[in-house]
C-alpha cells in the first residue's frame, strides 16, 4: 500500500477576514453586531479586513 498523500491546498482559511465588497459578508457582520451595513464597510476601510479588529471597532 502506498503512503497517504498530503493535500497540496496550501491556502489559508479566510474565515478571520471580512470581505468588505461582498454583500453577504457585510450583511452577516451587520446582523451579528447590530450595526448598519455602511458602518461595517466603514470599519473595514478604517481597520482592515481582520474580523476581530472590525468587531472591536464596531463595539462588539
PDB file of N, CA and C in Angstrom:
ATOM      1  N   UNK A   1       0.825  -1.185   0.000  1.00  0.00           N
ATOM      2  CA  UNK A   1       0.000   0.000   0.000  1.00  0.00           C
ATOM      3  C   UNK A   1       0.872   1.252   0.000  1.00  0.00           C
ATOM      4  N   UNK A   2       0.467   2.222  -0.777  1.00  0.00           N
ATOM      5  CA  UNK A   2       1.221   3.473  -0.854  1.00  0.00           C
ATOM      6  C   UNK A   2       0.870   4.364   0.342  1.00  0.00           C
ATOM      7  N   UNK A   3       1.810   5.219   0.675  1.00  0.00           N
ATOM      8  CA  UNK A   3       1.569   6.149   1.781  1.00  0.00           C
ATOM      9  C   UNK A   3       0.480   7.145   1.380  1.00  0.00           C
ATOM     10  N   UNK A   4      -0.276   7.590   2.343  1.00  0.00           N
ATOM     11  CA  UNK A   4      -1.351   8.539   2.077  1.00  0.00           C
ATOM     12  C   UNK A   4      -0.772   9.859   1.579  1.00  0.00           C
ATOM     13  N   UNK A   5      -1.383  10.401   0.544  1.00  0.00           N
ATOM     14  CA  UNK A   5      -0.914  11.675   0.004  1.00  0.00           C
ATOM     15  C   UNK A   5      -1.401  12.826   0.875  1.00  0.00           C
ATOM     16  N   UNK A   6      -0.548  13.811   1.010  1.00  0.00           N
ATOM     17  CA  UNK A   6      -0.948  15.023   1.716  1.00  0.00           C
ATOM     18  C   UNK A   6      -1.546  15.972   0.694  1.00  0.00           C
ATOM     19  N   UNK A   7      -2.527  16.704   1.101  1.00  0.00           N
ATOM     20  CA  UNK A   7      -3.136  17.636   0.158  1.00  0.00           C
ATOM     21  C   UNK A   7      -2.207  18.822  -0.062  1.00  0.00           C
ATOM     22  N   UNK A   8      -2.231  19.344  -1.238  1.00  0.00           N
ATOM     23  CA  UNK A   8      -1.374  20.470  -1.597  1.00  0.00           C
ATOM     24  C   UNK A   8      -2.133  21.773  -1.657  1.00  0.00           C
ATOM     25  N   UNK A   9      -3.190  21.876  -0.904  1.00  0.00           N
ATOM     26  CA  UNK A   9      -4.022  23.082  -0.995  1.00  0.00           C
ATOM     27  C   UNK A   9      -3.233  24.323  -0.604  1.00  0.00           C
ATOM     28  N   UNK A  10      -2.670  24.325   0.577  1.00  0.00           N
ATOM     29  CA  UNK A  10      -1.791  25.409   0.976  1.00  0.00           C
ATOM     30  C   UNK A  10      -2.440  26.778   1.108  1.00  0.00           C
ATOM     31  N   UNK A  11      -3.750  26.858   1.045  1.00  0.00           N
ATOM     32  CA  UNK A  11      -4.401  28.163   1.175  1.00  0.00           C
ATOM     33  C   UNK A  11      -4.879  28.360   2.597  1.00  0.00           C
ATOM     34  N   UNK A  12      -4.758  29.573   3.075  1.00  0.00           N
ATOM     35  CA  UNK A  12      -5.256  29.878   4.413  1.00  0.00           C
ATOM     36  C   UNK A  12      -6.763  30.046   4.353  1.00  0.00           C
ATOM     37  N   UNK A  13      -7.408  29.736   5.434  1.00  0.00           N
ATOM     38  CA  UNK A  13      -8.844  29.966   5.517  1.00  0.00           C
ATOM     39  C   UNK A  13      -9.081  31.464   5.602  1.00  0.00           C
ATOM     40  N   UNK A  14     -10.144  31.926   5.005  1.00  0.00           N
ATOM     41  CA  UNK A  14     -10.425  33.359   5.085  1.00  0.00           C
ATOM     42  C   UNK A  14     -11.550  33.673   6.064  1.00  0.00           C
ATOM     43  N   UNK A  15     -11.850  32.737   6.952  1.00  0.00           N
ATOM     44  CA  UNK A  15     -12.875  32.958   7.961  1.00  0.00           C
ATOM     45  C   UNK A  15     -12.545  34.148   8.871  1.00  0.00           C
ATOM     46  N   UNK A  16     -11.277  34.356   9.240  1.00  0.00           N
ATOM     47  CA  UNK A  16     -11.000  35.501  10.134  1.00  0.00           C
ATOM     48  C   UNK A  16     -10.970  36.843   9.411  1.00  0.00           C
ATOM     49  N   UNK A  17     -11.478  36.888   8.188  1.00  0.00           N
ATOM     50  CA  UNK A  17     -11.481  38.138   7.433  1.00  0.00           C
ATOM     51  C   UNK A  17     -12.905  38.520   7.039  1.00  0.00           C
ATOM     52  N   UNK A  18     -13.127  39.795   6.846  1.00  0.00           N
ATOM     53  CA  UNK A  18     -14.418  40.294   6.374  1.00  0.00           C
ATOM     54  C   UNK A  18     -14.183  40.918   5.003  1.00  0.00           C
ATOM     55  N   UNK A  19     -14.827  40.367   3.985  1.00  0.00           N
ATOM     56  CA  UNK A  19     -14.701  40.921   2.639  1.00  0.00           C
ATOM     57  C   UNK A  19     -15.670  42.087   2.517  1.00  0.00           C
ATOM     58  N   UNK A  20     -15.152  43.297   2.583  1.00  0.00           N
ATOM     59  CA  UNK A  20     -15.989  44.487   2.552  1.00  0.00           C
ATOM     60  C   UNK A  20     -16.771  44.668   1.270  1.00  0.00           C
ATOM     61  N   UNK A  21     -16.329  44.041   0.185  1.00  0.00           N
ATOM     62  CA  UNK A  21     -17.019  44.159  -1.094  1.00  0.00           C
ATOM     63  C   UNK A  21     -18.068  43.091  -1.315  1.00  0.00           C
ATOM     64  N   UNK A  22     -18.157  42.127  -0.418  1.00  0.00           N
ATOM     65  CA  UNK A  22     -19.120  41.035  -0.567  1.00  0.00           C
ATOM     66  C   UNK A  22     -20.368  41.345   0.244  1.00  0.00           C
ATOM     67  N   UNK A  23     -21.483  41.495  -0.447  1.00  0.00           N
ATOM     68  CA  UNK A  23     -22.728  41.898   0.200  1.00  0.00           C
ATOM     69  C   UNK A  23     -23.138  40.936   1.318  1.00  0.00           C
ATOM     70  N   UNK A  24     -22.990  39.622   1.083  1.00  0.00           N
ATOM     71  CA  UNK A  24     -23.416  38.653   2.096  1.00  0.00           C
ATOM     72  C   UNK A  24     -22.538  38.693   3.338  1.00  0.00           C
ATOM     73  N   UNK A  25     -21.248  38.964   3.168  1.00  0.00           N
ATOM     74  CA  UNK A  25     -20.362  39.039   4.341  1.00  0.00           C
ATOM     75  C   UNK A  25     -20.637  40.295   5.152  1.00  0.00           C
ATOM     76  N   UNK A  26     -20.851  41.400   4.465  1.00  0.00           N
ATOM     77  CA  UNK A  26     -21.173  42.654   5.146  1.00  0.00           C
ATOM     78  C   UNK A  26     -22.503  42.501   5.874  1.00  0.00           C
ATOM     79  N   UNK A  27     -23.467  41.862   5.212  1.00  0.00           N
ATOM     80  CA  UNK A  27     -24.776  41.639   5.821  1.00  0.00           C
ATOM     81  C   UNK A  27     -24.697  40.754   7.051  1.00  0.00           C
ATOM     82  N   UNK A  28     -23.877  39.710   6.973  1.00  0.00           N
ATOM     83  CA  UNK A  28     -23.700  38.798   8.107  1.00  0.00           C
ATOM     84  C   UNK A  28     -23.108  39.544   9.297  1.00  0.00           C
ATOM     85  N   UNK A  29     -22.068  40.296   9.042  1.00  0.00           N
ATOM     86  CA  UNK A  29     -21.394  41.038  10.112  1.00  0.00           C
ATOM     87  C   UNK A  29     -22.315  42.116  10.677  1.00  0.00           C
ATOM     88  N   UNK A  30     -23.084  42.733   9.816  1.00  0.00           N
ATOM     89  CA  UNK A  30     -24.039  43.753  10.235  1.00  0.00           C
ATOM     90  C   UNK A  30     -25.085  43.155  11.171  1.00  0.00           C
ATOM     91  N   UNK A  31     -25.629  42.018  10.788  1.00  0.00           N
ATOM     92  CA  UNK A  31     -26.641  41.348  11.607  1.00  0.00           C
ATOM     93  C   UNK A  31     -26.042  40.868  12.933  1.00  0.00           C
ATOM     94  N   UNK A  32     -24.820  40.375  12.868  1.00  0.00           N
ATOM     95  CA  UNK A  32     -24.136  39.842  14.049  1.00  0.00           C
ATOM     96  C   UNK A  32     -23.858  40.933  15.082  1.00  0.00           C
ATOM     97  N   UNK A  33     -23.462  42.112  14.608  1.00  0.00           N
ATOM     98  CA  UNK A  33     -23.087  43.190  15.521  1.00  0.00           C
ATOM     99  C   UNK A  33     -24.223  44.166  15.805  1.00  0.00           C
ATOM    100  N   UNK A  34     -25.293  44.096  15.004  1.00  0.00           N
ATOM    101  CA  UNK A  34     -26.411  45.014  15.199  1.00  0.00           C
ATOM    102  C   UNK A  34     -26.155  46.399  14.642  1.00  0.00           C
ATOM    103  N   UNK A  35     -25.184  46.523  13.780  1.00  0.00           N
ATOM    104  CA  UNK A  35     -24.863  47.812  13.157  1.00  0.00           C
ATOM    105  C   UNK A  35     -25.290  47.800  11.702  1.00  0.00           C
ATOM    106  N   UNK A  36     -25.295  48.951  11.063  1.00  0.00           N
ATOM    107  CA  UNK A  36     -25.705  49.034   9.660  1.00  0.00           C
ATOM    108  C   UNK A  36     -24.587  48.512   8.749  1.00  0.00           C
ATOM    109  N   UNK A  37     -24.976  48.175   7.522  1.00  0.00           N
ATOM    110  CA  UNK A  37     -24.008  47.682   6.541  1.00  0.00           C
ATOM    111  C   UNK A  37     -22.966  48.753   6.223  1.00  0.00           C
ATOM    112  N   UNK A  38     -23.398  50.006   6.168  1.00  0.00           N
ATOM    113  CA  UNK A  38     -22.439  51.078   5.868  1.00  0.00           C
ATOM    114  C   UNK A  38     -21.431  51.244   7.005  1.00  0.00           C
ATOM    115  N   UNK A  39     -21.874  51.016   8.252  1.00  0.00           N
ATOM    116  CA  UNK A  39     -20.948  51.096   9.391  1.00  0.00           C
ATOM    117  C   UNK A  39     -19.906  49.984   9.304  1.00  0.00           C
ATOM    118  N   UNK A  40     -20.346  48.812   8.872  1.00  0.00           N
ATOM    119  CA  UNK A  40     -19.410  47.687   8.718  1.00  0.00           C
ATOM    120  C   UNK A  40     -18.395  48.017   7.631  1.00  0.00           C
ATOM    121  N   UNK A  41     -18.866  48.536   6.500  1.00  0.00           N
ATOM    122  CA  UNK A  41     -17.955  48.889   5.407  1.00  0.00           C
ATOM    123  C   UNK A  41     -16.944  49.942   5.844  1.00  0.00           C
ATOM    124  N   UNK A  42     -17.411  50.942   6.597  1.00  0.00           N
ATOM    125  CA  UNK A  42     -16.507  51.987   7.091  1.00  0.00           C
ATOM    126  C   UNK A  42     -15.467  51.397   8.040  1.00  0.00           C
ATOM    127  N   UNK A  43     -15.903  50.459   8.898  1.00  0.00           N
ATOM    128  CA  UNK A  43     -14.974  49.825   9.837  1.00  0.00           C
ATOM    129  C   UNK A  43     -13.920  49.016   9.095  1.00  0.00           C
ATOM    130  N   UNK A  44     -14.338  48.299   8.046  1.00  0.00           N
ATOM    131  CA  UNK A  44     -13.391  47.513   7.243  1.00  0.00           C
ATOM    132  C   UNK A  44     -12.385  48.438   6.581  1.00  0.00           C
ATOM    133  N   UNK A  45     -12.869  49.563   6.080  1.00  0.00           N
ATOM    134  CA  UNK A  45     -11.983  50.522   5.423  1.00  0.00           C
ATOM    135  C   UNK A  45     -10.994  51.125   6.418  1.00  0.00           C
ATOM    136  N   UNK A  46     -11.467  51.376   7.641  1.00  0.00           N
ATOM    137  CA  UNK A  46     -10.647  52.035   8.660  1.00  0.00           C
ATOM    138  C   UNK A  46      -9.589  51.102   9.268  1.00  0.00           C
ATOM    139  N   UNK A  47      -9.993  49.872   9.654  1.00  0.00           N
ATOM    140  CA  UNK A  47      -9.075  48.997  10.389  1.00  0.00           C
ATOM    141  C   UNK A  47      -8.586  47.784   9.603  1.00  0.00           C
ATOM    142  N   UNK A  48      -9.045  47.627   8.367  1.00  0.00           N
ATOM    143  CA  UNK A  48      -8.636  46.482   7.568  1.00  0.00           C
ATOM    144  C   UNK A  48      -9.686  45.386   7.645  1.00  0.00           C
ATOM    145  N   UNK A  49      -9.404  44.235   7.035  1.00  0.00           N
ATOM    146  CA  UNK A  49     -10.424  43.195   6.942  1.00  0.00           C
ATOM    147  C   UNK A  49     -10.326  42.113   8.018  1.00  0.00           C
ATOM    148  N   UNK A  50      -9.536  42.326   9.042  1.00  0.00           N
ATOM    149  CA  UNK A  50      -9.443  41.372  10.142  1.00  0.00           C
ATOM    150  C   UNK A  50     -10.743  41.415  10.953  1.00  0.00           C
ATOM    151  N   UNK A  51     -11.407  40.262  11.070  1.00  0.00           N
ATOM    152  CA  UNK A  51     -12.729  40.199  11.704  1.00  0.00           C
ATOM    153  C   UNK A  51     -12.702  40.679  13.153  1.00  0.00           C
ATOM    154  N   UNK A  52     -11.685  40.308  13.911  1.00  0.00           N
ATOM    155  CA  UNK A  52     -11.612  40.717  15.322  1.00  0.00           C
ATOM    156  C   UNK A  52     -11.496  42.231  15.448  1.00  0.00           C
ATOM    157  N   UNK A  53     -10.663  42.831  14.598  1.00  0.00           N
ATOM    158  CA  UNK A  53     -10.496  44.287  14.652  1.00  0.00           C
ATOM    159  C   UNK A  53     -11.760  45.012  14.218  1.00  0.00           C
ATOM    160  N   UNK A  54     -12.442  44.457  13.205  1.00  0.00           N
ATOM    161  CA  UNK A  54     -13.681  45.074  12.732  1.00  0.00           C
ATOM    162  C   UNK A  54     -14.729  45.023  13.835  1.00  0.00           C
ATOM    163  N   UNK A  55     -14.863  43.867  14.492  1.00  0.00           N
ATOM    164  CA  UNK A  55     -15.854  43.735  15.565  1.00  0.00           C
ATOM    165  C   UNK A  55     -15.515  44.641  16.742  1.00  0.00           C
ATOM    166  N   UNK A  56     -14.229  44.778  17.046  1.00  0.00           N
ATOM    167  CA  UNK A  56     -13.812  45.660  18.125  1.00  0.00           C
ATOM    168  C   UNK A  56     -14.161  47.109  17.769  1.00  0.00           C
ATOM    169  N   UNK A  57     -13.933  47.479  16.530  1.00  0.00           N
ATOM    170  CA  UNK A  57     -14.237  48.845  16.057  1.00  0.00           C
ATOM    171  C   UNK A  57     -15.732  49.122  16.128  1.00  0.00           C
ATOM    172  N   UNK A  58     -16.540  48.092  15.839  1.00  0.00           N
ATOM    173  CA  UNK A  58     -17.991  48.252  15.862  1.00  0.00           C
ATOM    174  C   UNK A  58     -18.548  48.178  17.269  1.00  0.00           C
ATOM    175  N   UNK A  59     -17.690  47.924  18.237  1.00  0.00           N
ATOM    176  CA  UNK A  59     -18.112  47.915  19.631  1.00  0.00           C
ATOM    177  C   UNK A  59     -18.807  46.637  20.063  1.00  0.00           C
ATOM    178  N   UNK A  60     -18.339  45.514  19.549  1.00  0.00           N
ATOM    179  CA  UNK A  60     -18.947  44.234  19.951  1.00  0.00           C
ATOM    180  C   UNK A  60     -18.151  43.625  21.049  1.00  0.00           C
TER     181      UNK A  60
END
